[in-house]
């Protein structure tokens, strides 16, 4: 399992699919490293809808809190299973 941390693009370049390209590269690197499961935490308040769409379009699904994150109305948790790997 690996965690995707702190994806952020500057407001002036949002909408140019840079986040999608970064996330695609992260997923490919995880596959190359034989990581079976990616997880992430992001905000769940107004303004985070584009991030949720990005993750959903990339195949992530909502899940519960993981590691030492507490359940919170301010957080959304996502995961993506990458298939059979050495870590699985």
N, C-alpha and C. Protein backbone atom coordinates (compact mmCIF):
# COMPACT_ATOMS: atom_id res chain seq x y z
N UNK A 1 0.85 -1.17 0.00
CA UNK A 1 0.00 0.00 0.00
C UNK A 1 0.89 1.23 0.00
N UNK A 2 0.47 2.24 -0.71
CA UNK A 2 1.17 3.52 -0.71
C UNK A 2 0.11 4.63 -0.67
N UNK A 3 0.52 5.77 -0.16
CA UNK A 3 -0.39 6.91 -0.04
C UNK A 3 0.05 8.02 -0.99
N UNK A 4 -0.92 8.54 -1.73
CA UNK A 4 -0.69 9.71 -2.57
C UNK A 4 -0.83 10.92 -1.66
N UNK A 5 0.19 11.77 -1.63
CA UNK A 5 0.20 12.93 -0.73
C UNK A 5 0.29 14.25 -1.50
N UNK A 6 -0.43 15.22 -1.06
CA UNK A 6 -0.28 16.63 -1.45
C UNK A 6 -0.19 16.92 -2.93
N UNK A 7 -1.23 16.60 -3.65
CA UNK A 7 -1.28 17.03 -5.05
C UNK A 7 -1.87 18.43 -5.06
N UNK A 8 -1.19 19.35 -5.71
CA UNK A 8 -1.64 20.73 -5.74
C UNK A 8 -1.16 21.39 -7.02
N UNK A 9 -2.04 22.12 -7.68
CA UNK A 9 -1.63 22.93 -8.82
C UNK A 9 -2.03 24.37 -8.54
N UNK A 10 -1.25 25.28 -9.05
CA UNK A 10 -1.54 26.70 -8.87
C UNK A 10 -2.86 27.05 -9.56
N UNK A 11 -3.61 27.98 -8.98
CA UNK A 11 -4.91 28.34 -9.57
C UNK A 11 -4.82 28.75 -11.04
N UNK A 12 -3.76 29.44 -11.43
CA UNK A 12 -3.68 29.92 -12.81
C UNK A 12 -3.44 28.82 -13.84
N UNK A 13 -3.08 27.62 -13.41
CA UNK A 13 -2.88 26.52 -14.37
C UNK A 13 -3.89 25.39 -14.19
N UNK A 14 -4.84 25.58 -13.29
CA UNK A 14 -5.88 24.56 -13.12
C UNK A 14 -6.74 24.49 -14.38
N UNK A 15 -7.27 23.33 -14.64
CA UNK A 15 -8.09 23.12 -15.82
C UNK A 15 -7.29 22.71 -17.04
N UNK A 16 -5.99 22.58 -16.91
CA UNK A 16 -5.14 22.20 -18.03
C UNK A 16 -4.75 20.72 -17.98
N UNK A 17 -5.39 19.95 -17.11
CA UNK A 17 -5.19 18.50 -16.97
C UNK A 17 -3.82 18.13 -16.42
N UNK A 18 -3.16 19.08 -15.77
CA UNK A 18 -1.86 18.81 -15.16
C UNK A 18 -2.01 17.84 -14.00
N UNK A 19 -3.04 18.03 -13.20
CA UNK A 19 -3.31 17.11 -12.09
C UNK A 19 -3.56 15.69 -12.59
N UNK A 20 -4.30 15.56 -13.68
CA UNK A 20 -4.56 14.24 -14.26
C UNK A 20 -3.26 13.60 -14.72
N UNK A 21 -2.39 14.39 -15.35
CA UNK A 21 -1.10 13.85 -15.82
C UNK A 21 -0.23 13.43 -14.64
N UNK A 22 -0.21 14.24 -13.58
CA UNK A 22 0.57 13.88 -12.39
C UNK A 22 0.04 12.59 -11.77
N UNK A 23 -1.28 12.51 -11.62
CA UNK A 23 -1.87 11.32 -11.01
C UNK A 23 -1.61 10.08 -11.87
N UNK A 24 -1.70 10.22 -13.18
CA UNK A 24 -1.41 9.10 -14.07
C UNK A 24 0.04 8.63 -13.90
N UNK A 25 0.96 9.57 -13.76
CA UNK A 25 2.37 9.22 -13.55
C UNK A 25 2.57 8.52 -12.21
N UNK A 26 1.86 8.98 -11.18
CA UNK A 26 1.95 8.34 -9.86
C UNK A 26 1.44 6.91 -9.92
N UNK A 27 0.30 6.72 -10.58
CA UNK A 27 -0.27 5.37 -10.70
C UNK A 27 0.68 4.47 -11.47
N UNK A 28 1.26 4.97 -12.55
CA UNK A 28 2.19 4.15 -13.33
C UNK A 28 3.43 3.79 -12.52
N UNK A 29 3.95 4.75 -11.77
CA UNK A 29 5.12 4.48 -10.92
C UNK A 29 4.77 3.41 -9.88
N UNK A 30 3.58 3.51 -9.29
CA UNK A 30 3.16 2.49 -8.32
C UNK A 30 3.11 1.12 -8.98
N UNK A 31 2.57 1.05 -10.18
CA UNK A 31 2.53 -0.24 -10.90
C UNK A 31 3.95 -0.75 -11.14
N UNK A 32 4.82 0.16 -11.60
CA UNK A 32 6.21 -0.23 -11.87
C UNK A 32 6.90 -0.75 -10.62
N UNK A 33 6.54 -0.20 -9.47
CA UNK A 33 7.13 -0.60 -8.19
C UNK A 33 6.36 -1.77 -7.56
N UNK A 34 5.37 -2.28 -8.29
CA UNK A 34 4.58 -3.44 -7.86
C UNK A 34 3.80 -3.16 -6.57
N UNK A 35 3.29 -1.97 -6.47
CA UNK A 35 2.42 -1.58 -5.35
C UNK A 35 0.99 -1.91 -5.75
N UNK A 36 0.29 -2.64 -4.90
CA UNK A 36 -1.04 -3.14 -5.24
C UNK A 36 -2.17 -2.17 -4.91
N UNK A 37 -1.92 -1.22 -4.01
CA UNK A 37 -3.04 -0.46 -3.45
C UNK A 37 -2.58 0.98 -3.19
N UNK A 38 -3.26 1.94 -3.80
CA UNK A 38 -3.00 3.35 -3.54
C UNK A 38 -4.16 3.93 -2.74
N UNK A 39 -3.85 4.80 -1.81
CA UNK A 39 -4.86 5.47 -1.01
C UNK A 39 -4.52 6.95 -0.92
N UNK A 40 -5.55 7.75 -0.65
CA UNK A 40 -5.31 9.17 -0.47
C UNK A 40 -6.40 9.78 0.40
N UNK A 41 -6.04 10.90 1.00
CA UNK A 41 -6.97 11.70 1.81
C UNK A 41 -6.98 13.08 1.20
N UNK A 42 -8.17 13.65 1.08
CA UNK A 42 -8.31 15.02 0.59
C UNK A 42 -9.44 15.70 1.34
N UNK A 43 -9.60 16.97 1.10
CA UNK A 43 -10.65 17.72 1.77
C UNK A 43 -12.03 17.30 1.30
N UNK A 44 -13.02 17.51 2.14
CA UNK A 44 -14.40 17.21 1.79
C UNK A 44 -15.28 18.41 2.15
N UNK A 45 -14.79 19.57 1.77
CA UNK A 45 -15.53 20.82 1.97
C UNK A 45 -15.65 21.51 0.61
N UNK A 46 -16.41 22.59 0.57
CA UNK A 46 -16.60 23.32 -0.68
C UNK A 46 -15.24 23.65 -1.30
N UNK A 47 -15.15 23.47 -2.60
CA UNK A 47 -13.92 23.75 -3.32
C UNK A 47 -13.13 22.51 -3.69
N UNK A 48 -13.44 21.37 -3.08
CA UNK A 48 -12.69 20.15 -3.37
C UNK A 48 -13.39 19.26 -4.40
N UNK A 49 -14.51 19.72 -4.95
CA UNK A 49 -15.22 18.92 -5.94
C UNK A 49 -14.34 18.57 -7.15
N UNK A 50 -13.53 19.50 -7.68
CA UNK A 50 -12.67 19.12 -8.81
C UNK A 50 -11.67 18.02 -8.45
N UNK A 51 -11.15 18.03 -7.25
CA UNK A 51 -10.23 16.97 -6.82
C UNK A 51 -10.96 15.64 -6.77
N UNK A 52 -12.16 15.63 -6.24
CA UNK A 52 -12.94 14.39 -6.18
C UNK A 52 -13.20 13.85 -7.58
N UNK A 53 -13.54 14.74 -8.52
CA UNK A 53 -13.75 14.30 -9.91
C UNK A 53 -12.47 13.73 -10.51
N UNK A 54 -11.35 14.38 -10.25
CA UNK A 54 -10.05 13.90 -10.75
C UNK A 54 -9.79 12.48 -10.27
N UNK A 55 -9.94 12.24 -8.99
CA UNK A 55 -9.66 10.93 -8.43
C UNK A 55 -10.64 9.88 -8.95
N UNK A 56 -11.91 10.24 -9.02
CA UNK A 56 -12.92 9.30 -9.51
C UNK A 56 -12.67 8.93 -10.97
N UNK A 57 -12.35 9.93 -11.80
CA UNK A 57 -12.06 9.66 -13.22
C UNK A 57 -10.83 8.77 -13.38
N UNK A 58 -9.91 8.84 -12.44
CA UNK A 58 -8.69 8.02 -12.49
C UNK A 58 -8.91 6.63 -11.91
N UNK A 59 -10.14 6.32 -11.51
CA UNK A 59 -10.44 4.97 -11.03
C UNK A 59 -10.39 4.79 -9.53
N UNK A 60 -10.22 5.87 -8.78
CA UNK A 60 -10.26 5.78 -7.32
C UNK A 60 -11.71 5.76 -6.86
N UNK A 61 -11.96 5.05 -5.77
CA UNK A 61 -13.29 5.00 -5.17
C UNK A 61 -13.20 5.47 -3.72
N UNK A 62 -14.31 6.00 -3.23
CA UNK A 62 -14.33 6.46 -1.84
C UNK A 62 -14.21 5.26 -0.91
N UNK A 63 -13.55 5.49 0.21
CA UNK A 63 -13.39 4.44 1.22
C UNK A 63 -13.37 5.11 2.59
N UNK A 64 -13.22 4.34 3.61
CA UNK A 64 -13.14 4.87 4.96
C UNK A 64 -11.74 5.34 5.29
N UNK A 65 -11.62 5.94 6.47
CA UNK A 65 -10.32 6.43 6.94
C UNK A 65 -9.33 5.28 7.01
N UNK A 66 -8.06 5.60 6.82
CA UNK A 66 -7.01 4.59 6.86
C UNK A 66 -5.82 5.11 7.65
N UNK A 67 -4.90 4.21 7.93
CA UNK A 67 -3.72 4.52 8.76
C UNK A 67 -4.18 5.21 10.03
N UNK A 68 -3.56 6.34 10.39
CA UNK A 68 -3.95 6.99 11.63
C UNK A 68 -4.85 8.21 11.41
N UNK A 69 -5.45 8.32 10.21
CA UNK A 69 -6.39 9.40 9.96
C UNK A 69 -7.68 9.15 10.74
N UNK A 70 -8.20 10.15 11.42
CA UNK A 70 -9.50 9.97 12.06
C UNK A 70 -10.62 10.19 11.05
N UNK A 71 -11.75 9.56 11.27
CA UNK A 71 -12.94 9.88 10.47
C UNK A 71 -13.26 11.34 10.72
N UNK A 72 -13.61 12.06 9.68
CA UNK A 72 -13.89 13.49 9.82
C UNK A 72 -14.82 13.93 8.71
N UNK A 73 -15.72 14.86 9.03
CA UNK A 73 -16.59 15.42 8.00
C UNK A 73 -15.79 16.33 7.06
N UNK A 74 -14.57 16.65 7.41
CA UNK A 74 -13.72 17.53 6.59
C UNK A 74 -12.78 16.77 5.66
N UNK A 75 -12.77 15.45 5.76
CA UNK A 75 -11.87 14.63 4.95
C UNK A 75 -12.66 13.64 4.11
N UNK A 76 -12.13 13.38 2.91
CA UNK A 76 -12.64 12.32 2.04
C UNK A 76 -11.48 11.39 1.77
N UNK A 77 -11.75 10.10 1.75
CA UNK A 77 -10.73 9.09 1.55
C UNK A 77 -11.04 8.31 0.28
N UNK A 78 -10.01 8.06 -0.50
CA UNK A 78 -10.14 7.34 -1.76
C UNK A 78 -9.08 6.24 -1.84
N UNK A 79 -9.39 5.19 -2.62
CA UNK A 79 -8.44 4.11 -2.84
C UNK A 79 -8.54 3.61 -4.27
N UNK A 80 -7.46 2.99 -4.70
CA UNK A 80 -7.44 2.35 -6.02
C UNK A 80 -6.60 1.10 -5.91
N UNK A 81 -7.19 -0.02 -6.29
CA UNK A 81 -6.47 -1.29 -6.34
C UNK A 81 -5.85 -1.43 -7.71
N UNK A 82 -4.58 -1.77 -7.76
CA UNK A 82 -3.85 -1.83 -9.02
C UNK A 82 -3.67 -3.24 -9.55
N UNK A 83 -4.20 -4.22 -8.86
CA UNK A 83 -4.12 -5.59 -9.34
C UNK A 83 -3.05 -6.39 -8.62
N UNK A 84 -2.78 -7.54 -9.18
CA UNK A 84 -1.80 -8.45 -8.59
C UNK A 84 -0.40 -7.89 -8.71
N UNK A 85 0.29 -7.81 -7.57
CA UNK A 85 1.68 -7.35 -7.55
C UNK A 85 2.42 -8.15 -6.50
N UNK A 86 3.70 -7.88 -6.36
CA UNK A 86 4.51 -8.57 -5.37
C UNK A 86 4.07 -8.24 -3.97
N UNK A 87 3.50 -7.03 -3.75
CA UNK A 87 3.11 -6.61 -2.41
C UNK A 87 1.79 -7.23 -1.98
N UNK A 88 0.95 -7.61 -2.94
CA UNK A 88 -0.39 -8.08 -2.63
C UNK A 88 -0.37 -9.35 -1.80
